[in-house]
Amino acid sequence: MFHVVVRIEVKRERLEDFLALVQDDFAGTRKEPGNLRFDVVRQNDNPLKFALYEVYKDEDAFKAHQQTPHYARWRAGIDAVCATPRSSDKFTTLHPDPYV
């Protein structure tokens, strides 16, 4: 499996815009056949910090996600709502072994 963790800090005055944007991306992504999980989490001690935890069948499924209309809307809107540049890391499952 292919995992993506995105970290985001949102401008206070753009919080509602971010929540609408992430809801749209979440709803569209969860309908994709290659998406296995999409969690949006909020930091407990700073309500302007979020993380997205996305799991796809494989890297090709993630690349297909990046071609969708909801992802295009996300890309077009996310930078305007961020207080700092967002970061992302990509991972591959080791355990449990996805091929067993």
PDB file of N, CA and C in Angstrom:
ATOM      1  N   MET A   1       0.833  -1.177   0.000  1.00  0.00           N
ATOM      2  CA  MET A   1       0.000   0.000   0.000  1.00  0.00           C
ATOM      3  C   MET A   1       0.877   1.239   0.000  1.00  0.00           C
ATOM      4  N   PHE A   2       0.321   2.327  -0.497  1.00  0.00           N
ATOM      5  CA  PHE A   2       1.020   3.602  -0.625  1.00  0.00           C
ATOM      6  C   PHE A   2       0.328   4.613   0.288  1.00  0.00           C
ATOM      7  N   HIS A   3       1.110   5.257   1.164  1.00  0.00           N
ATOM      8  CA  HIS A   3       0.560   6.179   2.159  1.00  0.00           C
ATOM      9  C   HIS A   3       1.098   7.582   1.915  1.00  0.00           C
ATOM     10  N   VAL A   4       0.250   8.568   2.186  1.00  0.00           N
ATOM     11  CA  VAL A   4       0.653   9.965   2.105  1.00  0.00           C
ATOM     12  C   VAL A   4       0.211  10.645   3.396  1.00  0.00           C
ATOM     13  N   VAL A   5       1.124  11.388   4.018  1.00  0.00           N
ATOM     14  CA  VAL A   5       0.801  12.193   5.193  1.00  0.00           C
ATOM     15  C   VAL A   5       1.103  13.645   4.839  1.00  0.00           C
ATOM     16  N   VAL A   6       0.066  14.475   4.889  1.00  0.00           N
ATOM     17  CA  VAL A   6       0.191  15.892   4.566  1.00  0.00           C
ATOM     18  C   VAL A   6      -0.030  16.686   5.850  1.00  0.00           C
ATOM     19  N   ARG A   7       0.849  17.626   6.130  1.00  0.00           N
ATOM     20  CA  ARG A   7       0.721  18.487   7.307  1.00  0.00           C
ATOM     21  C   ARG A   7       0.408  19.908   6.846  1.00  0.00           C
ATOM     22  N   ILE A   8      -0.582  20.500   7.498  1.00  0.00           N
ATOM     23  CA  ILE A   8      -1.089  21.804   7.061  1.00  0.00           C
ATOM     24  C   ILE A   8      -1.330  22.695   8.272  1.00  0.00           C
ATOM     25  N   GLU A   9      -0.901  23.944   8.183  1.00  0.00           N
ATOM     26  CA  GLU A   9      -1.283  24.967   9.160  1.00  0.00           C
ATOM     27  C   GLU A   9      -2.100  26.014   8.415  1.00  0.00           C
ATOM     28  N   VAL A  10      -3.288  26.278   8.924  1.00  0.00           N
ATOM     29  CA  VAL A  10      -4.263  27.124   8.231  1.00  0.00           C
ATOM     30  C   VAL A  10      -4.271  28.534   8.826  1.00  0.00           C
ATOM     31  N   LYS A  11      -4.461  29.541   7.967  1.00  0.00           N
ATOM     32  CA  LYS A  11      -4.653  30.916   8.439  1.00  0.00           C
ATOM     33  C   LYS A  11      -5.983  30.970   9.198  1.00  0.00           C
ATOM     34  N   ARG A  12      -5.972  31.626  10.354  1.00  0.00           N
ATOM     35  CA  ARG A  12      -7.175  31.706  11.185  1.00  0.00           C
ATOM     36  C   ARG A  12      -8.372  32.246  10.390  1.00  0.00           C
ATOM     37  N   GLU A  13      -8.137  33.289   9.622  1.00  0.00           N
ATOM     38  CA  GLU A  13      -9.229  33.928   8.879  1.00  0.00           C
ATOM     39  C   GLU A  13      -9.700  33.099   7.678  1.00  0.00           C
ATOM     40  N   ARG A  14      -8.995  32.033   7.355  1.00  0.00           N
ATOM     41  CA  ARG A  14      -9.370  31.172   6.214  1.00  0.00           C
ATOM     42  C   ARG A  14      -9.789  29.777   6.651  1.00  0.00           C
ATOM     43  N   LEU A  15     -10.020  29.593   7.944  1.00  0.00           N
ATOM     44  CA  LEU A  15     -10.349  28.274   8.468  1.00  0.00           C
ATOM     45  C   LEU A  15     -11.594  27.681   7.805  1.00  0.00           C
ATOM     46  N   GLU A  16     -12.647  28.444   7.680  1.00  0.00           N
ATOM     47  CA  GLU A  16     -13.879  27.924   7.069  1.00  0.00           C
ATOM     48  C   GLU A  16     -13.659  27.556   5.604  1.00  0.00           C
ATOM     49  N   ASP A  17     -12.840  28.338   4.902  1.00  0.00           N
ATOM     50  CA  ASP A  17     -12.511  28.009   3.505  1.00  0.00           C
ATOM     51  C   ASP A  17     -11.757  26.684   3.437  1.00  0.00           C
ATOM     52  N   PHE A  18     -10.803  26.501   4.355  1.00  0.00           N
ATOM     53  CA  PHE A  18     -10.058  25.246   4.391  1.00  0.00           C
ATOM     54  C   PHE A  18     -10.985  24.068   4.660  1.00  0.00           C
ATOM     55  N   LEU A  19     -11.860  24.200   5.650  1.00  0.00           N
ATOM     56  CA  LEU A  19     -12.751  23.095   5.999  1.00  0.00           C
ATOM     57  C   LEU A  19     -13.639  22.700   4.820  1.00  0.00           C
ATOM     58  N   ALA A  20     -14.112  23.660   4.057  1.00  0.00           N
ATOM     59  CA  ALA A  20     -14.913  23.352   2.864  1.00  0.00           C
ATOM     60  C   ALA A  20     -14.055  22.678   1.797  1.00  0.00           C
ATOM     61  N   LEU A  21     -12.844  23.162   1.610  1.00  0.00           N
ATOM     62  CA  LEU A  21     -11.934  22.599   0.604  1.00  0.00           C
ATOM     63  C   LEU A  21     -11.555  21.162   0.949  1.00  0.00           C
ATOM     64  N   VAL A  22     -11.229  20.913   2.207  1.00  0.00           N
ATOM     65  CA  VAL A  22     -10.815  19.565   2.597  1.00  0.00           C
ATOM     66  C   VAL A  22     -12.008  18.605   2.570  1.00  0.00           C
ATOM     67  N   GLN A  23     -13.204  19.088   2.869  1.00  0.00           N
ATOM     68  CA  GLN A  23     -14.398  18.238   2.790  1.00  0.00           C
ATOM     69  C   GLN A  23     -14.640  17.793   1.353  1.00  0.00           C
ATOM     70  N   ASP A  24     -14.475  18.706   0.411  1.00  0.00           N
ATOM     71  CA  ASP A  24     -14.649  18.367  -1.007  1.00  0.00           C
ATOM     72  C   ASP A  24     -13.621  17.328  -1.444  1.00  0.00           C
ATOM     73  N   ASP A  25     -12.364  17.528  -1.058  1.00  0.00           N
ATOM     74  CA  ASP A  25     -11.319  16.580  -1.440  1.00  0.00           C
ATOM     75  C   ASP A  25     -11.548  15.229  -0.774  1.00  0.00           C
ATOM     76  N   PHE A  26     -11.899  15.230   0.487  1.00  0.00           N
ATOM     77  CA  PHE A  26     -12.189  13.996   1.226  1.00  0.00           C
ATOM     78  C   PHE A  26     -13.319  13.213   0.548  1.00  0.00           C
ATOM     79  N   ALA A  27     -14.441  13.889   0.274  1.00  0.00           N
ATOM     80  CA  ALA A  27     -15.611  13.210  -0.297  1.00  0.00           C
ATOM     81  C   ALA A  27     -15.291  12.601  -1.659  1.00  0.00           C
ATOM     82  N   GLY A  28     -14.569  13.332  -2.494  1.00  0.00           N
ATOM     83  CA  GLY A  28     -14.211  12.809  -3.807  1.00  0.00           C
ATOM     84  C   GLY A  28     -13.205  11.679  -3.733  1.00  0.00           C
ATOM     85  N   THR A  29     -12.217  11.827  -2.877  1.00  0.00           N
ATOM     86  CA  THR A  29     -11.162  10.816  -2.765  1.00  0.00           C
ATOM     87  C   THR A  29     -11.716   9.490  -2.270  1.00  0.00           C
ATOM     88  N   ARG A  30     -12.610   9.524  -1.293  1.00  0.00           N
ATOM     89  CA  ARG A  30     -13.158   8.279  -0.734  1.00  0.00           C
ATOM     90  C   ARG A  30     -13.963   7.488  -1.761  1.00  0.00           C
ATOM     91  N   LYS A  31     -14.376   8.118  -2.850  1.00  0.00           N
ATOM     92  CA  LYS A  31     -15.115   7.424  -3.910  1.00  0.00           C
ATOM     93  C   LYS A  31     -14.189   6.777  -4.939  1.00  0.00           C
ATOM     94  N   GLU A  32     -12.912   7.094  -4.888  1.00  0.00           N
ATOM     95  CA  GLU A  32     -11.969   6.545  -5.851  1.00  0.00           C
ATOM     96  C   GLU A  32     -11.733   5.057  -5.561  1.00  0.00           C
ATOM     97  N   PRO A  33     -11.716   4.232  -6.607  1.00  0.00           N
ATOM     98  CA  PRO A  33     -11.532   2.797  -6.377  1.00  0.00           C
ATOM     99  C   PRO A  33     -10.182   2.441  -5.756  1.00  0.00           C
ATOM    100  N   GLY A  34      -9.165   3.245  -5.976  1.00  0.00           N
ATOM    101  CA  GLY A  34      -7.842   2.945  -5.437  1.00  0.00           C
ATOM    102  C   GLY A  34      -7.570   3.511  -4.058  1.00  0.00           C
ATOM    103  N   ASN A  35      -8.514   4.292  -3.519  1.00  0.00           N
ATOM    104  CA  ASN A  35      -8.322   4.860  -2.184  1.00  0.00           C
ATOM    105  C   ASN A  35      -8.852   3.908  -1.132  1.00  0.00           C
ATOM    106  N   LEU A  36      -8.032   3.618  -0.131  1.00  0.00           N
ATOM    107  CA  LEU A  36      -8.417   2.724   0.954  1.00  0.00           C
ATOM    108  C   LEU A  36      -8.752   3.470   2.238  1.00  0.00           C
ATOM    109  N   ARG A  37      -8.203   4.669   2.392  1.00  0.00           N
ATOM    110  CA  ARG A  37      -8.430   5.433   3.620  1.00  0.00           C
ATOM    111  C   ARG A  37      -8.080   6.897   3.365  1.00  0.00           C
ATOM    112  N   PHE A  38      -8.828   7.785   3.997  1.00  0.00           N
ATOM    113  CA  PHE A  38      -8.530   9.222   3.943  1.00  0.00           C
ATOM    114  C   PHE A  38      -9.016   9.820   5.248  1.00  0.00           C
ATOM    115  N   ASP A  39      -8.092  10.095   6.148  1.00  0.00           N
ATOM    116  CA  ASP A  39      -8.429  10.693   7.439  1.00  0.00           C
ATOM    117  C   ASP A  39      -7.990  12.149   7.447  1.00  0.00           C
ATOM    118  N   VAL A  40      -8.841  13.001   8.002  1.00  0.00           N
ATOM    119  CA  VAL A  40      -8.497  14.395   8.253  1.00  0.00           C
ATOM    120  C   VAL A  40      -8.459  14.539   9.769  1.00  0.00           C
ATOM    121  N   VAL A  41      -7.303  14.887  10.318  1.00  0.00           N
ATOM    122  CA  VAL A  41      -7.170  15.020  11.763  1.00  0.00           C
ATOM    123  C   VAL A  41      -6.716  16.431  12.113  1.00  0.00           C
ATOM    124  N   ARG A  42      -7.138  16.861  13.301  1.00  0.00           N
ATOM    125  CA  ARG A  42      -6.842  18.211  13.782  1.00  0.00           C
ATOM    126  C   ARG A  42      -6.010  18.099  15.054  1.00  0.00           C
ATOM    127  N   GLN A  43      -4.988  18.929  15.150  1.00  0.00           N
ATOM    128  CA  GLN A  43      -4.105  18.888  16.312  1.00  0.00           C
ATOM    129  C   GLN A  43      -4.859  19.379  17.551  1.00  0.00           C
ATOM    130  N   ASN A  44      -4.732  18.659  18.660  1.00  0.00           N
ATOM    131  CA  ASN A  44      -5.470  18.979  19.882  1.00  0.00           C
ATOM    132  C   ASN A  44      -5.097  20.324  20.486  1.00  0.00           C
ATOM    133  N   ASP A  45      -3.820  20.665  20.503  1.00  0.00           N
ATOM    134  CA  ASP A  45      -3.408  21.905  21.158  1.00  0.00           C
ATOM    135  C   ASP A  45      -3.251  23.094  20.213  1.00  0.00           C
ATOM    136  N   ASN A  46      -3.534  22.901  18.935  1.00  0.00           N
ATOM    137  CA  ASN A  46      -3.525  24.006  17.984  1.00  0.00           C
ATOM    138  C   ASN A  46      -4.563  23.709  16.900  1.00  0.00           C
ATOM    139  N   PRO A  47      -5.768  24.257  17.036  1.00  0.00           N
ATOM    140  CA  PRO A  47      -6.851  23.927  16.101  1.00  0.00           C
ATOM    141  C   PRO A  47      -6.660  24.444  14.680  1.00  0.00           C
ATOM    142  N   LEU A  48      -5.538  25.083  14.405  1.00  0.00           N
ATOM    143  CA  LEU A  48      -5.238  25.532  13.040  1.00  0.00           C
ATOM    144  C   LEU A  48      -4.274  24.590  12.328  1.00  0.00           C
ATOM    145  N   LYS A  49      -3.855  23.535  13.019  1.00  0.00           N
ATOM    146  CA  LYS A  49      -2.961  22.551  12.404  1.00  0.00           C
ATOM    147  C   LYS A  49      -3.716  21.254  12.144  1.00  0.00           C
ATOM    148  N   PHE A  50      -3.515  20.729  10.935  1.00  0.00           N
ATOM    149  CA  PHE A  50      -4.211  19.540  10.478  1.00  0.00           C
ATOM    150  C   PHE A  50      -3.208  18.588   9.840  1.00  0.00           C
ATOM    151  N   ALA A  51      -3.640  17.345   9.710  1.00  0.00           N
ATOM    152  CA  ALA A  51      -2.889  16.364   8.928  1.00  0.00           C
ATOM    153  C   ALA A  51      -3.892  15.548   8.131  1.00  0.00           C
ATOM    154  N   LEU A  52      -3.498  15.176   6.953  1.00  0.00           N
ATOM    155  CA  LEU A  52      -4.275  14.260   6.124  1.00  0.00           C
ATOM    156  C   LEU A  52      -3.493  12.954   6.080  1.00  0.00           C
ATOM    157  N   TYR A  53      -4.174  11.861   6.317  1.00  0.00           N
ATOM    158  CA  TYR A  53      -3.558  10.536   6.226  1.00  0.00           C
ATOM    159  C   TYR A  53      -4.308   9.780   5.143  1.00  0.00           C
ATOM    160  N   GLU A  54      -3.623   9.539   4.036  1.00  0.00           N
ATOM    161  CA  GLU A  54      -4.237   8.925   2.864  1.00  0.00           C
ATOM    162  C   GLU A  54      -3.563   7.581   2.575  1.00  0.00           C
ATOM    163  N   VAL A  55      -4.373   6.581   2.250  1.00  0.00           N
ATOM    164  CA  VAL A  55      -3.838   5.270   1.903  1.00  0.00           C
ATOM    165  C   VAL A  55      -4.455   4.843   0.571  1.00  0.00           C
ATOM    166  N   TYR A  56      -3.594   4.414  -0.333  1.00  0.00           N
ATOM    167  CA  TYR A  56      -3.999   3.969  -1.664  1.00  0.00           C
ATOM    168  C   TYR A  56      -3.507   2.545  -1.887  1.00  0.00           C
ATOM    169  N   LYS A  57      -4.156   1.834  -2.807  1.00  0.00           N
ATOM    170  CA  LYS A  57      -3.737   0.465  -3.119  1.00  0.00           C
ATOM    171  C   LYS A  57      -2.268   0.422  -3.523  1.00  0.00           C
ATOM    172  N   ASP A  58      -1.858   1.418  -4.311  1.00  0.00           N
ATOM    173  CA  ASP A  58      -0.482   1.475  -4.789  1.00  0.00           C
ATOM    174  C   ASP A  58      -0.205   2.892  -5.286  1.00  0.00           C
ATOM    175  N   GLU A  59       1.007   3.131  -5.726  1.00  0.00           N
ATOM    176  CA  GLU A  59       1.379   4.465  -6.185  1.00  0.00           C
ATOM    177  C   GLU A  59       0.596   4.873  -7.431  1.00  0.00           C
ATOM    178  N   ASP A  60       0.255   3.923  -8.297  1.00  0.00           N
ATOM    179  CA  ASP A  60      -0.558   4.249  -9.475  1.00  0.00           C
ATOM    180  C   ASP A  60      -1.925   4.783  -9.075  1.00  0.00           C
ATOM    181  N   ALA A  61      -2.513   4.236  -8.015  1.00  0.00           N
ATOM    182  CA  ALA A  61      -3.807   4.736  -7.531  1.00  0.00           C
ATOM    183  C   ALA A  61      -3.669   6.165  -7.024  1.00  0.00           C
ATOM    184  N   PHE A  62      -2.547   6.456  -6.377  1.00  0.00           N
ATOM    185  CA  PHE A  62      -2.298   7.824  -5.923  1.00  0.00           C
ATOM    186  C   PHE A  62      -2.145   8.764  -7.116  1.00  0.00           C
ATOM    187  N   LYS A  63      -1.419   8.326  -8.130  1.00  0.00           N
ATOM    188  CA  LYS A  63      -1.244   9.157  -9.329  1.00  0.00           C
ATOM    189  C   LYS A  63      -2.585   9.388 -10.026  1.00  0.00           C
ATOM    190  N   ALA A  64      -3.463   8.385 -10.021  1.00  0.00           N
ATOM    191  CA  ALA A  64      -4.809   8.560 -10.595  1.00  0.00           C
ATOM    192  C   ALA A  64      -5.586   9.587  -9.775  1.00  0.00           C
ATOM    193  N   HIS A  65      -5.426   9.562  -8.461  1.00  0.00           N
ATOM    194  CA  HIS A  65      -6.069  10.551  -7.578  1.00  0.00           C
ATOM    195  C   HIS A  65      -5.668  11.962  -7.987  1.00  0.00           C
ATOM    196  N   GLN A  66      -4.415  12.141  -8.338  1.00  0.00           N
ATOM    197  CA  GLN A  66      -3.918  13.472  -8.692  1.00  0.00           C
ATOM    198  C   GLN A  66      -4.467  13.982 -10.030  1.00  0.00           C
ATOM    199  N   GLN A  67      -5.195  13.160 -10.750  1.00  0.00           N
ATOM    200  CA  GLN A  67      -5.792  13.552 -12.025  1.00  0.00           C
ATOM    201  C   GLN A  67      -7.289  13.858 -11.909  1.00  0.00           C
ATOM    202  N   THR A  68      -7.835  13.819 -10.704  1.00  0.00           N
ATOM    203  CA  THR A  68      -9.276  13.986 -10.515  1.00  0.00           C
ATOM    204  C   THR A  68      -9.676  15.457 -10.402  1.00  0.00           C
ATOM    205  N   PRO A  69     -10.937  15.776 -10.712  1.00  0.00           N
ATOM    206  CA  PRO A  69     -11.418  17.162 -10.564  1.00  0.00           C
ATOM    207  C   PRO A  69     -11.344  17.672  -9.116  1.00  0.00           C
ATOM    208  N   HIS A  70     -11.653  16.821  -8.139  1.00  0.00           N
ATOM    209  CA  HIS A  70     -11.602  17.311  -6.754  1.00  0.00           C
ATOM    210  C   HIS A  70     -10.166  17.609  -6.319  1.00  0.00           C
ATOM    211  N   TYR A  71      -9.207  16.842  -6.818  1.00  0.00           N
ATOM    212  CA  TYR A  71      -7.810  17.135  -6.500  1.00  0.00           C
ATOM    213  C   TYR A  71      -7.377  18.446  -7.170  1.00  0.00           C
ATOM    214  N   ALA A  72      -7.845  18.701  -8.379  1.00  0.00           N
ATOM    215  CA  ALA A  72      -7.529  19.956  -9.071  1.00  0.00           C
ATOM    216  C   ALA A  72      -8.081  21.149  -8.282  1.00  0.00           C
ATOM    217  N   ARG A  73      -9.284  21.010  -7.727  1.00  0.00           N
ATOM    218  CA  ARG A  73      -9.856  22.084  -6.906  1.00  0.00           C
ATOM    219  C   ARG A  73      -9.012  22.278  -5.643  1.00  0.00           C
ATOM    220  N   TRP A  74      -8.573  21.176  -5.038  1.00  0.00           N
ATOM    221  CA  TRP A  74      -7.716  21.233  -3.855  1.00  0.00           C
ATOM    222  C   TRP A  74      -6.440  22.010  -4.175  1.00  0.00           C
ATOM    223  N   ARG A  75      -5.778  21.616  -5.244  1.00  0.00           N
ATOM    224  CA  ARG A  75      -4.516  22.269  -5.627  1.00  0.00           C
ATOM    225  C   ARG A  75      -4.711  23.755  -5.915  1.00  0.00           C
ATOM    226  N   ALA A  76      -5.837  24.097  -6.529  1.00  0.00           N
ATOM    227  CA  ALA A  76      -6.104  25.497  -6.866  1.00  0.00           C
ATOM    228  C   ALA A  76      -6.367  26.353  -5.638  1.00  0.00           C
ATOM    229  N   GLY A  77      -6.870  25.753  -4.561  1.00  0.00           N
ATOM    230  CA  GLY A  77      -7.270  26.543  -3.411  1.00  0.00           C
ATOM    231  C   GLY A  77      -6.412  26.447  -2.172  1.00  0.00           C
ATOM    232  N   ILE A  78      -5.614  25.398  -2.033  1.00  0.00           N
ATOM    233  CA  ILE A  78      -4.963  25.137  -0.751  1.00  0.00           C
ATOM    234  C   ILE A  78      -3.918  26.182  -0.368  1.00  0.00           C
ATOM    235  N   ASP A  79      -3.119  26.653  -1.296  1.00  0.00           N
ATOM    236  CA  ASP A  79      -2.047  27.587  -0.921  1.00  0.00           C
ATOM    237  C   ASP A  79      -2.592  28.878  -0.317  1.00  0.00           C
ATOM    238  N   ALA A  80      -3.752  29.326  -0.763  1.00  0.00           N
ATOM    239  CA  ALA A  80      -4.333  30.578  -0.263  1.00  0.00           C
ATOM    240  C   ALA A  80      -4.785  30.480   1.188  1.00  0.00           C
ATOM    241  N   VAL A  81      -5.045  29.279   1.683  1.00  0.00           N
ATOM    242  CA  VAL A  81      -5.542  29.130   3.055  1.00  0.00           C
ATOM    243  C   VAL A  81      -4.440  28.733   4.043  1.00  0.00           C
ATOM    244  N   CYS A  82      -3.258  28.420   3.552  1.00  0.00           N
ATOM    245  CA  CYS A  82      -2.168  27.963   4.418  1.00  0.00           C
ATOM    246  C   CYS A  82      -1.400  29.128   5.031  1.00  0.00           C
ATOM    247  N   ALA A  83      -1.114  29.007   6.338  1.00  0.00           N
ATOM    248  CA  ALA A  83      -0.299  29.998   7.036  1.00  0.00           C
ATOM    249  C   ALA A  83       1.184  29.763   6.780  1.00  0.00           C
ATOM    250  N   THR A  84       1.547  28.516   6.553  1.00  0.00           N
ATOM    251  CA  THR A  84       2.927  28.128   6.261  1.00  0.00           C
ATOM    252  C   THR A  84       2.881  27.122   5.114  1.00  0.00           C
ATOM    253  N   PRO A  85       3.981  26.913   4.424  1.00  0.00           N
ATOM    254  CA  PRO A  85       3.966  25.903   3.355  1.00  0.00           C
ATOM    255  C   PRO A  85       3.615  24.527   3.921  1.00  0.00           C
ATOM    256  N   ARG A  86       2.731  23.824   3.243  1.00  0.00           N
ATOM    257  CA  ARG A  86       2.369  22.483   3.705  1.00  0.00           C
ATOM    258  C   ARG A  86       3.505  21.517   3.362  1.00  0.00           C
ATOM    259  N   SER A  87       3.534  20.417   4.080  1.00  0.00           N
ATOM    260  CA  SER A  87       4.546  19.402   3.807  1.00  0.00           C
ATOM    261  C   SER A  87       3.853  18.064   3.619  1.00  0.00           C
ATOM    262  N   SER A  88       4.526  17.169   2.910  1.00  0.00           N
ATOM    263  CA  SER A  88       3.976  15.827   2.746  1.00  0.00           C
ATOM    264  C   SER A  88       5.111  14.818   2.695  1.00  0.00           C
ATOM    265  N   ASP A  89       4.789  13.640   3.191  1.00  0.00           N
ATOM    266  CA  ASP A  89       5.717  12.521   3.153  1.00  0.00           C
ATOM    267  C   ASP A  89       4.976  11.330   2.579  1.00  0.00           C
ATOM    268  N   LYS A  90       5.706  10.486   1.883  1.00  0.00           N
ATOM    269  CA  LYS A  90       5.124   9.296   1.266  1.00  0.00           C
ATOM    270  C   LYS A  90       5.796   8.056   1.854  1.00  0.00           C
ATOM    271  N   PHE A  91       4.968   7.017   2.065  1.00  0.00           N
ATOM    272  CA  PHE A  91       5.429   5.795   2.707  1.00  0.00           C
ATOM    273  C   PHE A  91       4.890   4.586   1.955  1.00  0.00           C
ATOM    274  N   THR A  92       5.539   3.441   2.152  1.00  0.00           N
ATOM    275  CA  THR A  92       5.070   2.161   1.628  1.00  0.00           C
ATOM    276  C   THR A  92       4.937   1.194   2.800  1.00  0.00           C
ATOM    277  N   THR A  93       3.853   0.429   2.809  1.00  0.00           N
ATOM    278  CA  THR A  93       3.596  -0.514   3.892  1.00  0.00           C
ATOM    279  C   THR A  93       4.658  -1.609   3.932  1.00  0.00           C
ATOM    280  N   LEU A  94       5.180  -1.864   5.129  1.00  0.00           N
ATOM    281  CA  LEU A  94       6.058  -3.009   5.362  1.00  0.00           C
ATOM    282  C   LEU A  94       5.327  -4.074   6.166  1.00  0.00           C
ATOM    283  N   HIS A  95       4.657  -3.661   7.238  1.00  0.00           N
ATOM    284  CA  HIS A  95       3.910  -4.592   8.100  1.00  0.00           C
ATOM    285  C   HIS A  95       2.571  -3.962   8.437  1.00  0.00           C
ATOM    286  N   PRO A  96       1.481  -4.646   8.391  1.00  0.00           N
ATOM    287  CA  PRO A  96       1.447  -6.046   7.968  1.00  0.00           C
ATOM    288  C   PRO A  96       1.769  -6.165   6.477  1.00  0.00           C
ATOM    289  N   ASP A  97       2.375  -7.266   6.117  1.00  0.00           N
ATOM    290  CA  ASP A  97       2.769  -7.503   4.734  1.00  0.00           C
ATOM    291  C   ASP A  97       1.515  -7.515   3.867  1.00  0.00           C
ATOM    292  N   PRO A  98       1.401  -6.540   2.929  1.00  0.00           N
ATOM    293  CA  PRO A  98       0.186  -6.464   2.110  1.00  0.00           C
ATOM    294  C   PRO A  98       0.063  -7.591   1.086  1.00  0.00           C
ATOM    295  N   TYR A  99       1.118  -8.384   0.926  1.00  0.00           N
ATOM    296  CA  TYR A  99       1.090  -9.431  -0.099  1.00  0.00           C
ATOM    297  C   TYR A  99       0.885 -10.816   0.482  1.00  0.00           C
ATOM    298  N   VAL A 100       0.625 -10.899   1.772  1.00  0.00           N
ATOM    299  CA  VAL A 100       0.397 -12.201   2.413  1.00  0.00           C
ATOM    300  C   VAL A 100      -1.081 -12.428   2.569  1.00  0.00           C
TER     301      VAL A 100
END
